[in-house]
Amino acid sequence: KATPTLTWVTPSAITYGTPLSATQLNASG
């Protein structure tokens, strides 16, 4: 079996109180 490549750029810093969203959770296979 092959192992897919996951691309996920380190997200920009956020301030406490900011909920996680697609801005941070944006990996792609």
mmCIF file of all heavy atoms, coordinates in Angstrom:
data_MODEL
# 
_entry.id   MODEL 
# 
loop_
_atom_site.group_PDB 
_atom_site.id 
_atom_site.type_symbol 
_atom_site.label_atom_id 
_atom_site.label_alt_id 
_atom_site.label_comp_id 
_atom_site.label_asym_id 
_atom_site.label_entity_id 
_atom_site.label_seq_id 
_atom_site.pdbx_PDB_ins_code 
_atom_site.Cartn_x 
_atom_site.Cartn_y 
_atom_site.Cartn_z 
_atom_site.occupancy 
_atom_site.B_iso_or_equiv 
_atom_site.pdbx_formal_charge 
_atom_site.auth_seq_id 
_atom_site.auth_comp_id 
_atom_site.auth_asym_id 
_atom_site.auth_atom_id 
_atom_site.pdbx_PDB_model_num 
ATOM 1   N N   . LYS A 1 1  ? 0.834   -1.196 0.000  1.00 0.00 ? 1  LYS A N   1 
ATOM 2   C CA  . LYS A 1 1  ? 0.000   0.000  0.000  1.00 0.00 ? 1  LYS A CA  1 
ATOM 3   C C   . LYS A 1 1  ? 0.877   1.256  0.000  1.00 0.00 ? 1  LYS A C   1 
ATOM 4   O O   . LYS A 1 1  ? 1.957   1.282  0.588  1.00 0.00 ? 1  LYS A O   1 
ATOM 5   C CB  . LYS A 1 1  ? -0.913  0.032  1.230  1.00 0.00 ? 1  LYS A CB  1 
ATOM 6   C CG  . LYS A 1 1  ? -2.063  -0.957 1.195  1.00 0.00 ? 1  LYS A CG  1 
ATOM 7   C CD  . LYS A 1 1  ? -2.961  -0.750 2.411  1.00 0.00 ? 1  LYS A CD  1 
ATOM 8   C CE  . LYS A 1 1  ? -4.158  -1.688 2.391  1.00 0.00 ? 1  LYS A CE  1 
ATOM 9   N NZ  . LYS A 1 1  ? -5.074  -1.439 3.536  1.00 0.00 ? 1  LYS A NZ  1 
ATOM 10  N N   . ALA A 1 2  ? 0.402   2.282  -0.638 1.00 0.00 ? 2  ALA A N   1 
ATOM 11  C CA  . ALA A 1 2  ? 1.091   3.575  -0.639 1.00 0.00 ? 2  ALA A CA  1 
ATOM 12  C C   . ALA A 1 2  ? 0.564   4.425  0.511  1.00 0.00 ? 2  ALA A C   1 
ATOM 13  O O   . ALA A 1 2  ? -0.575  4.253  0.967  1.00 0.00 ? 2  ALA A O   1 
ATOM 14  C CB  . ALA A 1 2  ? 0.883   4.297  -1.964 1.00 0.00 ? 2  ALA A CB  1 
ATOM 15  N N   . THR A 1 3  ? 1.396   5.307  0.998  1.00 0.00 ? 3  THR A N   1 
ATOM 16  C CA  . THR A 1 3  ? 0.975   6.237  2.047  1.00 0.00 ? 3  THR A CA  1 
ATOM 17  C C   . THR A 1 3  ? 0.766   7.611  1.425  1.00 0.00 ? 3  THR A C   1 
ATOM 18  O O   . THR A 1 3  ? 1.707   8.184  0.865  1.00 0.00 ? 3  THR A O   1 
ATOM 19  C CB  . THR A 1 3  ? 2.029   6.316  3.168  1.00 0.00 ? 3  THR A CB  1 
ATOM 20  O OG1 . THR A 1 3  ? 2.190   5.020  3.747  1.00 0.00 ? 3  THR A OG1 1 
ATOM 21  C CG2 . THR A 1 3  ? 1.603   7.298  4.249  1.00 0.00 ? 3  THR A CG2 1 
ATOM 22  N N   . PRO A 1 4  ? -0.453  8.146  1.502  1.00 0.00 ? 4  PRO A N   1 
ATOM 23  C CA  . PRO A 1 4  ? -0.718  9.460  0.891  1.00 0.00 ? 4  PRO A CA  1 
ATOM 24  C C   . PRO A 1 4  ? 0.124   10.554 1.544  1.00 0.00 ? 4  PRO A C   1 
ATOM 25  O O   . PRO A 1 4  ? 0.577   10.432 2.686  1.00 0.00 ? 4  PRO A O   1 
ATOM 26  C CB  . PRO A 1 4  ? -2.208  9.689  1.164  1.00 0.00 ? 4  PRO A CB  1 
ATOM 27  C CG  . PRO A 1 4  ? -2.755  8.346  1.520  1.00 0.00 ? 4  PRO A CG  1 
ATOM 28  C CD  . PRO A 1 4  ? -1.641  7.588  2.156  1.00 0.00 ? 4  PRO A CD  1 
ATOM 29  N N   . THR A 1 5  ? 0.320   11.611 0.809  1.00 0.00 ? 5  THR A N   1 
ATOM 30  C CA  . THR A 1 5  ? 1.017   12.781 1.334  1.00 0.00 ? 5  THR A CA  1 
ATOM 31  C C   . THR A 1 5  ? 0.001   13.772 1.875  1.00 0.00 ? 5  THR A C   1 
ATOM 32  O O   . THR A 1 5  ? -0.978  14.108 1.204  1.00 0.00 ? 5  THR A O   1 
ATOM 33  C CB  . THR A 1 5  ? 1.849   13.462 0.226  1.00 0.00 ? 5  THR A CB  1 
ATOM 34  O OG1 . THR A 1 5  ? 2.797   12.522 -0.276 1.00 0.00 ? 5  THR A OG1 1 
ATOM 35  C CG2 . THR A 1 5  ? 2.575   14.682 0.756  1.00 0.00 ? 5  THR A CG2 1 
ATOM 36  N N   . LEU A 1 6  ? 0.219   14.214 3.126  1.00 0.00 ? 6  LEU A N   1 
ATOM 37  C CA  . LEU A 1 6  ? -0.629  15.253 3.716  1.00 0.00 ? 6  LEU A CA  1 
ATOM 38  C C   . LEU A 1 6  ? 0.132   16.572 3.674  1.00 0.00 ? 6  LEU A C   1 
ATOM 39  O O   . LEU A 1 6  ? 1.259   16.655 4.171  1.00 0.00 ? 6  LEU A O   1 
ATOM 40  C CB  . LEU A 1 6  ? -0.981  14.909 5.158  1.00 0.00 ? 6  LEU A CB  1 
ATOM 41  C CG  . LEU A 1 6  ? -2.263  14.120 5.417  1.00 0.00 ? 6  LEU A CG  1 
ATOM 42  C CD1 . LEU A 1 6  ? -2.457  13.927 6.910  1.00 0.00 ? 6  LEU A CD1 1 
ATOM 43  C CD2 . LEU A 1 6  ? -3.464  14.834 4.841  1.00 0.00 ? 6  LEU A CD2 1 
ATOM 44  N N   . THR A 1 7  ? -0.478  17.578 3.092  1.00 0.00 ? 7  THR A N   1 
ATOM 45  C CA  . THR A 1 7  ? 0.122   18.913 3.036  1.00 0.00 ? 7  THR A CA  1 
ATOM 46  C C   . THR A 1 7  ? -0.616  19.811 4.016  1.00 0.00 ? 7  THR A C   1 
ATOM 47  O O   . THR A 1 7  ? -1.848  19.943 3.948  1.00 0.00 ? 7  THR A O   1 
ATOM 48  C CB  . THR A 1 7  ? 0.027   19.496 1.616  1.00 0.00 ? 7  THR A CB  1 
ATOM 49  O OG1 . THR A 1 7  ? 0.685   18.595 0.705  1.00 0.00 ? 7  THR A OG1 1 
ATOM 50  C CG2 . THR A 1 7  ? 0.677   20.859 1.546  1.00 0.00 ? 7  THR A CG2 1 
ATOM 51  N N   . TRP A 1 8  ? 0.143   20.407 4.938  1.00 0.00 ? 8  TRP A N   1 
ATOM 52  C CA  . TRP A 1 8  ? -0.486  21.236 5.972  1.00 0.00 ? 8  TRP A CA  1 
ATOM 53  C C   . TRP A 1 8  ? 0.518   22.309 6.386  1.00 0.00 ? 8  TRP A C   1 
ATOM 54  O O   . TRP A 1 8  ? 1.479   22.035 7.106  1.00 0.00 ? 8  TRP A O   1 
ATOM 55  C CB  . TRP A 1 8  ? -0.876  20.368 7.158  1.00 0.00 ? 8  TRP A CB  1 
ATOM 56  C CG  . TRP A 1 8  ? -1.849  20.971 8.122  1.00 0.00 ? 8  TRP A CG  1 
ATOM 57  C CD1 . TRP A 1 8  ? -2.467  22.186 8.038  1.00 0.00 ? 8  TRP A CD1 1 
ATOM 58  C CD2 . TRP A 1 8  ? -2.329  20.360 9.323  1.00 0.00 ? 8  TRP A CD2 1 
ATOM 59  N NE1 . TRP A 1 8  ? -3.310  22.371 9.100  1.00 0.00 ? 8  TRP A NE1 1 
ATOM 60  C CE2 . TRP A 1 8  ? -3.251  21.269 9.906  1.00 0.00 ? 8  TRP A CE2 1 
ATOM 61  C CE3 . TRP A 1 8  ? -2.083  19.143 9.948  1.00 0.00 ? 8  TRP A CE3 1 
ATOM 62  C CZ2 . TRP A 1 8  ? -3.896  20.989 11.097 1.00 0.00 ? 8  TRP A CZ2 1 
ATOM 63  C CZ3 . TRP A 1 8  ? -2.727  18.868 11.137 1.00 0.00 ? 8  TRP A CZ3 1 
ATOM 64  C CH2 . TRP A 1 8  ? -3.639  19.766 11.711 1.00 0.00 ? 8  TRP A CH2 1 
ATOM 65  N N   . VAL A 1 9  ? 0.288   23.509 5.948  1.00 0.00 ? 9  VAL A N   1 
ATOM 66  C CA  . VAL A 1 9  ? 1.178   24.619 6.261  1.00 0.00 ? 9  VAL A CA  1 
ATOM 67  C C   . VAL A 1 9  ? 0.927   25.080 7.697  1.00 0.00 ? 9  VAL A C   1 
ATOM 68  O O   . VAL A 1 9  ? -0.224  25.135 8.153  1.00 0.00 ? 9  VAL A O   1 
ATOM 69  C CB  . VAL A 1 9  ? 0.959   25.783 5.275  1.00 0.00 ? 9  VAL A CB  1 
ATOM 70  C CG1 . VAL A 1 9  ? 1.835   26.972 5.626  1.00 0.00 ? 9  VAL A CG1 1 
ATOM 71  C CG2 . VAL A 1 9  ? 1.233   25.319 3.849  1.00 0.00 ? 9  VAL A CG2 1 
ATOM 72  N N   . THR A 1 10 ? 2.003   25.390 8.414  1.00 0.00 ? 10 THR A N   1 
ATOM 73  C CA  . THR A 1 10 ? 1.867   25.895 9.782  1.00 0.00 ? 10 THR A CA  1 
ATOM 74  C C   . THR A 1 10 ? 0.986   27.145 9.784  1.00 0.00 ? 10 THR A C   1 
ATOM 75  O O   . THR A 1 10 ? 1.280   28.119 9.089  1.00 0.00 ? 10 THR A O   1 
ATOM 76  C CB  . THR A 1 10 ? 3.245   26.237 10.367 1.00 0.00 ? 10 THR A CB  1 
ATOM 77  O OG1 . THR A 1 10 ? 4.058   25.058 10.377 1.00 0.00 ? 10 THR A OG1 1 
ATOM 78  C CG2 . THR A 1 10 ? 3.123   26.779 11.781 1.00 0.00 ? 10 THR A CG2 1 
ATOM 79  N N   . PRO A 1 11 ? -0.112  27.116 10.550 1.00 0.00 ? 11 PRO A N   1 
ATOM 80  C CA  . PRO A 1 11 ? -1.039  28.265 10.514 1.00 0.00 ? 11 PRO A CA  1 
ATOM 81  C C   . PRO A 1 11 ? -0.473  29.483 11.235 1.00 0.00 ? 11 PRO A C   1 
ATOM 82  O O   . PRO A 1 11 ? 0.407   29.377 12.091 1.00 0.00 ? 11 PRO A O   1 
ATOM 83  C CB  . PRO A 1 11 ? -2.286  27.732 11.227 1.00 0.00 ? 11 PRO A CB  1 
ATOM 84  C CG  . PRO A 1 11 ? -1.785  26.623 12.097 1.00 0.00 ? 11 PRO A CG  1 
ATOM 85  C CD  . PRO A 1 11 ? -0.603  26.028 11.406 1.00 0.00 ? 11 PRO A CD  1 
ATOM 86  N N   . SER A 1 12 ? -1.002  30.636 10.869 1.00 0.00 ? 12 SER A N   1 
ATOM 87  C CA  . SER A 1 12 ? -0.616  31.886 11.536 1.00 0.00 ? 12 SER A CA  1 
ATOM 88  C C   . SER A 1 12 ? -1.099  31.877 12.984 1.00 0.00 ? 12 SER A C   1 
ATOM 89  O O   . SER A 1 12 ? -2.094  31.215 13.327 1.00 0.00 ? 12 SER A O   1 
ATOM 90  C CB  . SER A 1 12 ? -1.224  33.085 10.805 1.00 0.00 ? 12 SER A CB  1 
ATOM 91  O OG  . SER A 1 12 ? -0.767  33.133 9.466  1.00 0.00 ? 12 SER A OG  1 
ATOM 92  N N   . ALA A 1 13 ? -0.392  32.601 13.821 1.00 0.00 ? 13 ALA A N   1 
ATOM 93  C CA  . ALA A 1 13 ? -0.755  32.681 15.240 1.00 0.00 ? 13 ALA A CA  1 
ATOM 94  C C   . ALA A 1 13 ? -2.151  33.290 15.403 1.00 0.00 ? 13 ALA A C   1 
ATOM 95  O O   . ALA A 1 13 ? -2.596  34.101 14.591 1.00 0.00 ? 13 ALA A O   1 
ATOM 96  C CB  . ALA A 1 13 ? 0.273   33.515 15.989 1.00 0.00 ? 13 ALA A CB  1 
ATOM 97  N N   . ILE A 1 14 ? -2.830  32.870 16.455 1.00 0.00 ? 14 ILE A N   1 
ATOM 98  C CA  . ILE A 1 14 ? -4.143  33.417 16.791 1.00 0.00 ? 14 ILE A CA  1 
ATOM 99  C C   . ILE A 1 14 ? -4.109  33.940 18.227 1.00 0.00 ? 14 ILE A C   1 
ATOM 100 O O   . ILE A 1 14 ? -3.148  33.697 18.961 1.00 0.00 ? 14 ILE A O   1 
ATOM 101 C CB  . ILE A 1 14 ? -5.272  32.371 16.642 1.00 0.00 ? 14 ILE A CB  1 
ATOM 102 C CG1 . ILE A 1 14 ? -5.024  31.166 17.581 1.00 0.00 ? 14 ILE A CG1 1 
ATOM 103 C CG2 . ILE A 1 14 ? -5.396  31.909 15.207 1.00 0.00 ? 14 ILE A CG2 1 
ATOM 104 C CD1 . ILE A 1 14 ? -6.159  30.153 17.597 1.00 0.00 ? 14 ILE A CD1 1 
ATOM 105 N N   . THR A 1 15 ? -5.155  34.640 18.616 1.00 0.00 ? 15 THR A N   1 
ATOM 106 C CA  . THR A 1 15 ? -5.273  35.156 19.977 1.00 0.00 ? 15 THR A CA  1 
ATOM 107 C C   . THR A 1 15 ? -6.235  34.280 20.765 1.00 0.00 ? 15 THR A C   1 
ATOM 108 O O   . THR A 1 15 ? -7.222  33.782 20.218 1.00 0.00 ? 15 THR A O   1 
ATOM 109 C CB  . THR A 1 15 ? -5.780  36.612 19.951 1.00 0.00 ? 15 THR A CB  1 
ATOM 110 O OG1 . THR A 1 15 ? -4.878  37.398 19.161 1.00 0.00 ? 15 THR A OG1 1 
ATOM 111 C CG2 . THR A 1 15 ? -5.863  37.197 21.345 1.00 0.00 ? 15 THR A CG2 1 
ATOM 112 N N   . TYR A 1 16 ? -5.945  34.087 22.059 1.00 0.00 ? 16 TYR A N   1 
ATOM 113 C CA  . TYR A 1 16 ? -6.833  33.300 22.915 1.00 0.00 ? 16 TYR A CA  1 
ATOM 114 C C   . TYR A 1 16 ? -8.277  33.788 22.769 1.00 0.00 ? 16 TYR A C   1 
ATOM 115 O O   . TYR A 1 16 ? -8.542  34.993 22.775 1.00 0.00 ? 16 TYR A O   1 
ATOM 116 C CB  . TYR A 1 16 ? -6.408  33.419 24.380 1.00 0.00 ? 16 TYR A CB  1 
ATOM 117 C CG  . TYR A 1 16 ? -7.377  32.746 25.309 1.00 0.00 ? 16 TYR A CG  1 
ATOM 118 C CD1 . TYR A 1 16 ? -7.461  31.363 25.389 1.00 0.00 ? 16 TYR A CD1 1 
ATOM 119 C CD2 . TYR A 1 16 ? -8.248  33.499 26.091 1.00 0.00 ? 16 TYR A CD2 1 
ATOM 120 C CE1 . TYR A 1 16 ? -8.377  30.751 26.226 1.00 0.00 ? 16 TYR A CE1 1 
ATOM 121 C CE2 . TYR A 1 16 ? -9.161  32.897 26.933 1.00 0.00 ? 16 TYR A CE2 1 
ATOM 122 C CZ  . TYR A 1 16 ? -9.227  31.513 26.987 1.00 0.00 ? 16 TYR A CZ  1 
ATOM 123 O OH  . TYR A 1 16 ? -10.145 30.910 27.806 1.00 0.00 ? 16 TYR A OH  1 
ATOM 124 N N   . GLY A 1 17 ? -9.173  32.834 22.639 1.00 0.00 ? 17 GLY A N   1 
ATOM 125 C CA  . GLY A 1 17 ? -10.593 33.153 22.454 1.00 0.00 ? 17 GLY A CA  1 
ATOM 126 C C   . GLY A 1 17 ? -11.037 32.940 21.029 1.00 0.00 ? 17 GLY A C   1 
ATOM 127 O O   . GLY A 1 17 ? -12.238 32.920 20.755 1.00 0.00 ? 17 GLY A O   1 
ATOM 128 N N   . THR A 1 18 ? -10.066 32.766 20.115 1.00 0.00 ? 18 THR A N   1 
ATOM 129 C CA  . THR A 1 18 ? -10.401 32.512 18.705 1.00 0.00 ? 18 THR A CA  1 
ATOM 130 C C   . THR A 1 18 ? -10.646 31.016 18.520 1.00 0.00 ? 18 THR A C   1 
ATOM 131 O O   . THR A 1 18 ? -9.741  30.215 18.755 1.00 0.00 ? 18 THR A O   1 
ATOM 132 C CB  . THR A 1 18 ? -9.257  32.943 17.776 1.00 0.00 ? 18 THR A CB  1 
ATOM 133 O OG1 . THR A 1 18 ? -8.956  34.328 17.996 1.00 0.00 ? 18 THR A OG1 1 
ATOM 134 C CG2 . THR A 1 18 ? -9.614  32.715 16.321 1.00 0.00 ? 18 THR A CG2 1 
ATOM 135 N N   . PRO A 1 19 ? -11.860 30.606 18.121 1.00 0.00 ? 19 PRO A N   1 
ATOM 136 C CA  . PRO A 1 19 ? -12.107 29.166 17.930 1.00 0.00 ? 19 PRO A CA  1 
ATOM 137 C C   . PRO A 1 19 ? -11.417 28.661 16.668 1.00 0.00 ? 19 PRO A C   1 
ATOM 138 O O   . PRO A 1 19 ? -11.246 29.399 15.699 1.00 0.00 ? 19 PRO A O   1 
ATOM 139 C CB  . PRO A 1 19 ? -13.634 29.082 17.805 1.00 0.00 ? 19 PRO A CB  1 
ATOM 140 C CG  . PRO A 1 19 ? -14.055 30.434 17.336 1.00 0.00 ? 19 PRO A CG  1 
ATOM 141 C CD  . PRO A 1 19 ? -13.069 31.416 17.884 1.00 0.00 ? 19 PRO A CD  1 
ATOM 142 N N   . LEU A 1 20 ? -10.999 27.403 16.705 1.00 0.00 ? 20 LEU A N   1 
ATOM 143 C CA  . LEU A 1 20 ? -10.387 26.791 15.518 1.00 0.00 ? 20 LEU A CA  1 
ATOM 144 C C   . LEU A 1 20 ? -11.409 26.721 14.389 1.00 0.00 ? 20 LEU A C   1 
ATOM 145 O O   . LEU A 1 20 ? -12.591 26.483 14.606 1.00 0.00 ? 20 LEU A O   1 
ATOM 146 C CB  . LEU A 1 20 ? -9.896  25.378 15.847 1.00 0.00 ? 20 LEU A CB  1 
ATOM 147 C CG  . LEU A 1 20 ? -8.747  25.267 16.839 1.00 0.00 ? 20 LEU A CG  1 
ATOM 148 C CD1 . LEU A 1 20 ? -8.418  23.796 17.090 1.00 0.00 ? 20 LEU A CD1 1 
ATOM 149 C CD2 . LEU A 1 20 ? -7.520  26.002 16.339 1.00 0.00 ? 20 LEU A CD2 1 
ATOM 150 N N   . SER A 1 21 ? -10.914 26.931 13.176 1.00 0.00 ? 21 SER A N   1 
ATOM 151 C CA  . SER A 1 21 ? -11.793 26.909 11.999 1.00 0.00 ? 21 SER A CA  1 
ATOM 152 C C   . SER A 1 21 ? -11.000 26.367 10.823 1.00 0.00 ? 21 SER A C   1 
ATOM 153 O O   . SER A 1 21 ? -9.856  25.917 10.966 1.00 0.00 ? 21 SER A O   1 
ATOM 154 C CB  . SER A 1 21 ? -12.296 28.316 11.698 1.00 0.00 ? 21 SER A CB  1 
ATOM 155 O OG  . SER A 1 21 ? -11.213 29.136 11.251 1.00 0.00 ? 21 SER A OG  1 
ATOM 156 N N   . ALA A 1 22 ? -11.606 26.451 9.649  1.00 0.00 ? 22 ALA A N   1 
ATOM 157 C CA  . ALA A 1 22 ? -10.937 25.996 8.427  1.00 0.00 ? 22 ALA A CA  1 
ATOM 158 C C   . ALA A 1 22 ? -9.694  26.825 8.115  1.00 0.00 ? 22 ALA A C   1 
ATOM 159 O O   . ALA A 1 22 ? -8.869  26.416 7.295  1.00 0.00 ? 22 ALA A O   1 
ATOM 160 C CB  . ALA A 1 22 ? -11.910 26.051 7.249  1.00 0.00 ? 22 ALA A CB  1 
ATOM 161 N N   . THR A 1 23 ? -9.548  27.957 8.761  1.00 0.00 ? 23 THR A N   1 
ATOM 162 C CA  . THR A 1 23 ? -8.341  28.767 8.562  1.00 0.00 ? 23 THR A CA  1 
ATOM 163 C C   . THR A 1 23 ? -7.118  28.034 9.097  1.00 0.00 ? 23 THR A C   1 
ATOM 164 O O   . THR A 1 23 ? -6.028  28.117 8.531  1.00 0.00 ? 23 THR A O   1 
ATOM 165 C CB  . THR A 1 23 ? -8.482  30.130 9.260  1.00 0.00 ? 23 THR A CB  1 
ATOM 166 O OG1 . THR A 1 23 ? -9.640  30.788 8.755  1.00 0.00 ? 23 THR A OG1 1 
ATOM 167 C CG2 . THR A 1 23 ? -7.261  30.996 9.043  1.00 0.00 ? 23 THR A CG2 1 
ATOM 168 N N   . GLN A 1 24 ? -7.292  27.317 10.200 1.00 0.00 ? 24 GLN A N   1 
ATOM 169 C CA  . GLN A 1 24 ? -6.188  26.542 10.774 1.00 0.00 ? 24 GLN A CA  1 
ATOM 170 C C   . GLN A 1 24 ? -6.257  25.067 10.353 1.00 0.00 ? 24 GLN A C   1 
ATOM 171 O O   . GLN A 1 24 ? -5.230  24.430 10.107 1.00 0.00 ? 24 GLN A O   1 
ATOM 172 C CB  . GLN A 1 24 ? -6.209  26.606 12.311 1.00 0.00 ? 24 GLN A CB  1 
ATOM 173 C CG  . GLN A 1 24 ? -5.988  27.981 12.908 1.00 0.00 ? 24 GLN A CG  1 
ATOM 174 C CD  . GLN A 1 24 ? -7.242  28.827 12.895 1.00 0.00 ? 24 GLN A CD  1 
ATOM 175 O OE1 . GLN A 1 24 ? -8.344  28.325 13.093 1.00 0.00 ? 24 GLN A OE1 1 
ATOM 176 N NE2 . GLN A 1 24 ? -7.085  30.119 12.656 1.00 0.00 ? 24 GLN A NE2 1 
ATOM 177 N N   . LEU A 1 25 ? -7.471  24.537 10.264 1.00 0.00 ? 25 LEU A N   1 
ATOM 178 C CA  . LEU A 1 25 ? -7.659  23.113 9.967  1.00 0.00 ? 25 LEU A CA  1 
ATOM 179 C C   . LEU A 1 25 ? -7.878  22.938 8.467  1.00 0.00 ? 25 LEU A C   1 
ATOM 180 O O   . LEU A 1 25 ? -8.993  22.689 8.006  1.00 0.00 ? 25 LEU A O   1 
ATOM 181 C CB  . LEU A 1 25 ? -8.852  22.567 10.770 1.00 0.00 ? 25 LEU A CB  1 
ATOM 182 C CG  . LEU A 1 25 ? -8.818  22.875 12.274 1.00 0.00 ? 25 LEU A CG  1 
ATOM 183 C CD1 . LEU A 1 25 ? -10.054 22.317 12.965 1.00 0.00 ? 25 LEU A CD1 1 
ATOM 184 C CD2 . LEU A 1 25 ? -7.547  22.322 12.913 1.00 0.00 ? 25 LEU A CD2 1 
ATOM 185 N N   . ASN A 1 26 ? -6.788  23.087 7.716  1.00 0.00 ? 26 ASN A N   1 
ATOM 186 C CA  . ASN A 1 26 ? -6.886  23.133 6.256  1.00 0.00 ? 26 ASN A CA  1 
ATOM 187 C C   . ASN A 1 26 ? -5.889  22.203 5.568  1.00 0.00 ? 26 ASN A C   1 
ATOM 188 O O   . ASN A 1 26 ? -5.368  22.530 4.496  1.00 0.00 ? 26 ASN A O   1 
ATOM 189 C CB  . ASN A 1 26 ? -6.699  24.573 5.768  1.00 0.00 ? 26 ASN A CB  1 
ATOM 190 C CG  . ASN A 1 26 ? -5.351  25.151 6.193  1.00 0.00 ? 26 ASN A CG  1 
ATOM 191 O OD1 . ASN A 1 26 ? -4.623  24.540 6.977  1.00 0.00 ? 26 ASN A OD1 1 
ATOM 192 N ND2 . ASN A 1 26 ? -5.025  26.315 5.675  1.00 0.00 ? 26 ASN A ND2 1 
ATOM 193 N N   . ALA A 1 27 ? -5.614  21.058 6.190  1.00 0.00 ? 27 ALA A N   1 
ATOM 194 C CA  . ALA A 1 27 ? -4.720  20.079 5.556  1.00 0.00 ? 27 ALA A CA  1 
ATOM 195 C C   . ALA A 1 27 ? -5.380  19.511 4.303  1.00 0.00 ? 27 ALA A C   1 
ATOM 196 O O   . ALA A 1 27 ? -6.611  19.514 4.166  1.00 0.00 ? 27 ALA A O   1 
ATOM 197 C CB  . ALA A 1 27 ? -4.398  18.959 6.541  1.00 0.00 ? 27 ALA A CB  1 
ATOM 198 N N   . SER A 1 28 ? -4.560  19.020 3.381  1.00 0.00 ? 28 SER A N   1 
ATOM 199 C CA  . SER A 1 28 ? -5.079  18.395 2.165  1.00 0.00 ? 28 SER A CA  1 
ATOM 200 C C   . SER A 1 28 ? -4.276  17.137 1.874  1.00 0.00 ? 28 SER A C   1 
ATOM 201 O O   . SER A 1 28 ? -3.083  17.061 2.175  1.00 0.00 ? 28 SER A O   1 
ATOM 202 C CB  . SER A 1 28 ? -5.014  19.366 0.979  1.00 0.00 ? 28 SER A CB  1 
ATOM 203 O OG  . SER A 1 28 ? -3.676  19.759 0.738  1.00 0.00 ? 28 SER A OG  1 
ATOM 204 N N   . GLY A 1 29 ? -4.965  16.134 1.303  1.00 0.00 ? 29 GLY A N   1 
ATOM 205 C CA  . GLY A 1 29 ? -4.321  14.867 0.973  1.00 0.00 ? 29 GLY A CA  1 
ATOM 206 C C   . GLY A 1 29 ? -4.012  14.777 -0.514 1.00 0.00 ? 29 GLY A C   1 
ATOM 207 O O   . GLY A 1 29 ? -4.639  15.455 -1.330 1.00 0.00 ? 29 GLY A O   1 
# 
